[in-house]
Amino acid sequence: MTKPHNILVAREYTDGNGEVKTEWLRVGVAFPNKKDGFNCELPAGIGLTGKFVILPRIDRAEDDGPTDE
């Protein structure tokens, strides 16, 4: 069975030094289905607008978040 994927959204913020950074927030999970698509589960009450990213899950120790590539 294929592992589930995380659904992430990017949030830009300015740190204490005035540098703009990106924080990735996990907002749900996506499961591959038999038709080469994904079934997505989002918690009740969450409103998404704009873009989101679906990435395979990896060990937390290795996870630096997605890149803008």
N, C-alpha and C. Protein backbone atom coordinates (compact mmCIF):
# COMPACT_ATOMS: atom_id res chain seq x y z
N MET A 1 0.84 -1.19 0.00
CA MET A 1 0.00 0.00 0.00
C MET A 1 0.88 1.25 0.00
N THR A 2 0.48 2.24 -0.77
CA THR A 2 1.22 3.49 -0.85
C THR A 2 0.95 4.33 0.40
N LYS A 3 1.99 4.99 0.88
CA LYS A 3 1.86 5.82 2.07
C LYS A 3 1.04 7.07 1.77
N PRO A 4 0.36 7.60 2.79
CA PRO A 4 -0.37 8.86 2.61
C PRO A 4 0.60 10.03 2.42
N HIS A 5 0.08 11.11 1.90
CA HIS A 5 0.84 12.33 1.68
C HIS A 5 0.31 13.43 2.59
N ASN A 6 1.16 14.38 2.93
CA ASN A 6 0.74 15.55 3.70
C ASN A 6 0.22 16.62 2.75
N ILE A 7 -0.79 17.35 3.19
CA ILE A 7 -1.26 18.54 2.47
C ILE A 7 -0.73 19.74 3.25
N LEU A 8 0.02 20.60 2.58
CA LEU A 8 0.69 21.72 3.24
C LEU A 8 0.32 23.04 2.58
N VAL A 9 0.28 24.09 3.38
CA VAL A 9 0.12 25.45 2.84
C VAL A 9 1.29 26.29 3.35
N ALA A 10 1.71 27.23 2.54
CA ALA A 10 2.82 28.10 2.91
C ALA A 10 2.28 29.38 3.55
N ARG A 11 2.98 29.84 4.57
CA ARG A 11 2.63 31.11 5.21
C ARG A 11 3.91 31.91 5.36
N GLU A 12 3.95 33.07 4.74
CA GLU A 12 5.13 33.94 4.87
C GLU A 12 5.01 34.78 6.13
N TYR A 13 6.15 34.99 6.77
CA TYR A 13 6.19 35.83 7.96
C TYR A 13 7.53 36.53 8.01
N THR A 14 7.61 37.56 8.82
CA THR A 14 8.85 38.30 9.01
C THR A 14 9.40 37.95 10.38
N ASP A 15 10.66 37.48 10.41
CA ASP A 15 11.27 37.11 11.70
C ASP A 15 11.75 38.35 12.45
N GLY A 16 12.31 38.14 13.61
CA GLY A 16 12.76 39.24 14.46
C GLY A 16 13.84 40.11 13.83
N ASN A 17 14.55 39.59 12.83
CA ASN A 17 15.60 40.35 12.14
C ASN A 17 15.09 41.06 10.89
N GLY A 18 13.77 40.98 10.65
CA GLY A 18 13.20 41.62 9.47
C GLY A 18 13.29 40.79 8.21
N GLU A 19 13.75 39.55 8.31
CA GLU A 19 13.88 38.67 7.15
C GLU A 19 12.56 37.95 6.91
N VAL A 20 12.11 37.94 5.65
CA VAL A 20 10.88 37.24 5.28
C VAL A 20 11.20 35.75 5.12
N LYS A 21 10.44 34.93 5.81
CA LYS A 21 10.63 33.48 5.77
C LYS A 21 9.30 32.81 5.46
N THR A 22 9.38 31.51 5.13
CA THR A 22 8.19 30.72 4.84
C THR A 22 8.05 29.61 5.87
N GLU A 23 6.86 29.49 6.41
CA GLU A 23 6.52 28.41 7.33
C GLU A 23 5.52 27.50 6.62
N TRP A 24 5.72 26.18 6.70
CA TRP A 24 4.82 25.23 6.07
C TRP A 24 3.91 24.63 7.13
N LEU A 25 2.61 24.76 6.92
CA LEU A 25 1.63 24.27 7.87
C LEU A 25 0.92 23.05 7.30
N ARG A 26 0.89 21.96 8.06
CA ARG A 26 0.18 20.75 7.64
C ARG A 26 -1.30 20.97 7.91
N VAL A 27 -2.11 20.87 6.86
CA VAL A 27 -3.54 21.12 7.00
C VAL A 27 -4.40 19.90 6.68
N GLY A 28 -3.79 18.80 6.30
CA GLY A 28 -4.57 17.61 5.99
C GLY A 28 -3.69 16.49 5.48
N VAL A 29 -4.36 15.46 4.98
CA VAL A 29 -3.67 14.28 4.48
C VAL A 29 -4.34 13.84 3.18
N ALA A 30 -3.54 13.31 2.25
CA ALA A 30 -4.05 12.83 0.96
C ALA A 30 -3.66 11.37 0.78
N PHE A 31 -4.63 10.56 0.39
CA PHE A 31 -4.40 9.14 0.17
C PHE A 31 -4.53 8.83 -1.31
N PRO A 32 -3.51 8.18 -1.92
CA PRO A 32 -3.64 7.79 -3.33
C PRO A 32 -4.83 6.85 -3.51
N ASN A 33 -5.56 7.01 -4.62
CA ASN A 33 -6.67 6.10 -4.90
C ASN A 33 -6.38 5.27 -6.14
N LYS A 34 -7.29 4.39 -6.49
CA LYS A 34 -7.08 3.44 -7.59
C LYS A 34 -7.11 4.10 -8.97
N LYS A 35 -7.59 5.34 -9.06
CA LYS A 35 -7.68 6.03 -10.35
C LYS A 35 -6.55 7.02 -10.56
N ASP A 36 -5.41 6.80 -9.88
CA ASP A 36 -4.23 7.66 -9.97
C ASP A 36 -4.48 9.08 -9.48
N GLY A 37 -5.46 9.25 -8.64
CA GLY A 37 -5.73 10.55 -8.03
C GLY A 37 -5.51 10.45 -6.53
N PHE A 38 -6.04 11.40 -5.80
CA PHE A 38 -5.91 11.43 -4.34
C PHE A 38 -7.25 11.71 -3.69
N ASN A 39 -7.52 11.05 -2.59
CA ASN A 39 -8.63 11.39 -1.71
C ASN A 39 -8.03 12.22 -0.60
N CYS A 40 -8.55 13.42 -0.40
CA CYS A 40 -8.00 14.35 0.58
C CYS A 40 -8.92 14.49 1.78
N GLU A 41 -8.31 14.51 2.96
CA GLU A 41 -9.05 14.73 4.19
C GLU A 41 -8.53 15.98 4.87
N LEU A 42 -9.46 16.90 5.12
CA LEU A 42 -9.14 18.15 5.82
C LEU A 42 -10.00 18.19 7.08
N PRO A 43 -9.49 18.77 8.16
CA PRO A 43 -10.29 18.85 9.37
C PRO A 43 -11.49 19.79 9.18
N ALA A 44 -12.55 19.52 9.92
CA ALA A 44 -13.75 20.36 9.85
C ALA A 44 -13.41 21.80 10.23
N GLY A 45 -14.00 22.74 9.53
CA GLY A 45 -13.84 24.14 9.87
C GLY A 45 -12.63 24.83 9.25
N ILE A 46 -11.79 24.08 8.53
CA ILE A 46 -10.62 24.71 7.92
C ILE A 46 -11.04 25.28 6.56
N GLY A 47 -10.66 26.50 6.30
CA GLY A 47 -10.94 27.12 5.03
C GLY A 47 -9.65 27.31 4.25
N LEU A 48 -9.58 26.76 3.06
CA LEU A 48 -8.39 26.90 2.23
C LEU A 48 -8.70 27.78 1.03
N THR A 49 -7.85 28.75 0.81
CA THR A 49 -7.91 29.54 -0.41
C THR A 49 -6.49 29.63 -0.94
N GLY A 50 -6.35 29.74 -2.22
CA GLY A 50 -5.02 29.83 -2.79
C GLY A 50 -4.44 28.45 -3.06
N LYS A 51 -3.14 28.34 -2.96
CA LYS A 51 -2.43 27.12 -3.32
C LYS A 51 -2.15 26.25 -2.11
N PHE A 52 -2.09 24.93 -2.36
CA PHE A 52 -1.58 24.01 -1.36
C PHE A 52 -0.73 22.97 -2.07
N VAL A 53 0.11 22.30 -1.32
CA VAL A 53 1.08 21.34 -1.85
C VAL A 53 0.79 19.98 -1.25
N ILE A 54 0.88 18.92 -2.07
CA ILE A 54 0.75 17.55 -1.57
C ILE A 54 2.11 16.89 -1.76
N LEU A 55 2.69 16.43 -0.65
CA LEU A 55 4.01 15.80 -0.68
C LEU A 55 3.99 14.48 0.09
N PRO A 56 4.81 13.50 -0.35
CA PRO A 56 4.91 12.26 0.41
C PRO A 56 5.41 12.54 1.82
N ARG A 57 4.96 11.73 2.77
CA ARG A 57 5.45 11.87 4.14
C ARG A 57 6.86 11.31 4.23
N ILE A 58 7.70 11.98 5.01
CA ILE A 58 9.04 11.47 5.30
C ILE A 58 9.28 11.60 6.79
N ASP A 59 10.34 10.98 7.27
CA ASP A 59 10.66 11.07 8.69
C ASP A 59 10.81 12.52 9.10
N ARG A 60 10.29 12.86 10.26
CA ARG A 60 10.33 14.22 10.79
C ARG A 60 11.77 14.74 10.85
N ALA A 61 12.73 13.88 11.19
CA ALA A 61 14.13 14.30 11.31
C ALA A 61 14.69 14.76 9.96
N GLU A 62 14.17 14.20 8.86
CA GLU A 62 14.66 14.55 7.53
C GLU A 62 13.87 15.68 6.89
N ASP A 63 12.73 16.05 7.48
CA ASP A 63 11.79 16.97 6.85
C ASP A 63 12.16 18.42 7.09
N ASP A 64 12.56 19.12 6.02
CA ASP A 64 12.82 20.55 6.08
C ASP A 64 11.70 21.32 5.40
N GLY A 65 10.66 20.62 4.97
CA GLY A 65 9.55 21.26 4.26
C GLY A 65 9.82 21.29 2.77
N PRO A 66 8.80 21.63 2.00
CA PRO A 66 8.97 21.69 0.55
C PRO A 66 9.82 22.87 0.13
N THR A 67 10.30 22.81 -1.08
CA THR A 67 11.08 23.92 -1.63
C THR A 67 10.26 24.58 -2.73
N ASP A 68 10.67 25.72 -3.18
CA ASP A 68 9.96 26.43 -4.23
C ASP A 68 10.46 26.06 -5.62
N GLU A 69 11.03 24.90 -5.76
CA GLU A 69 11.58 24.47 -7.06
C GLU A 69 10.49 24.00 -7.98
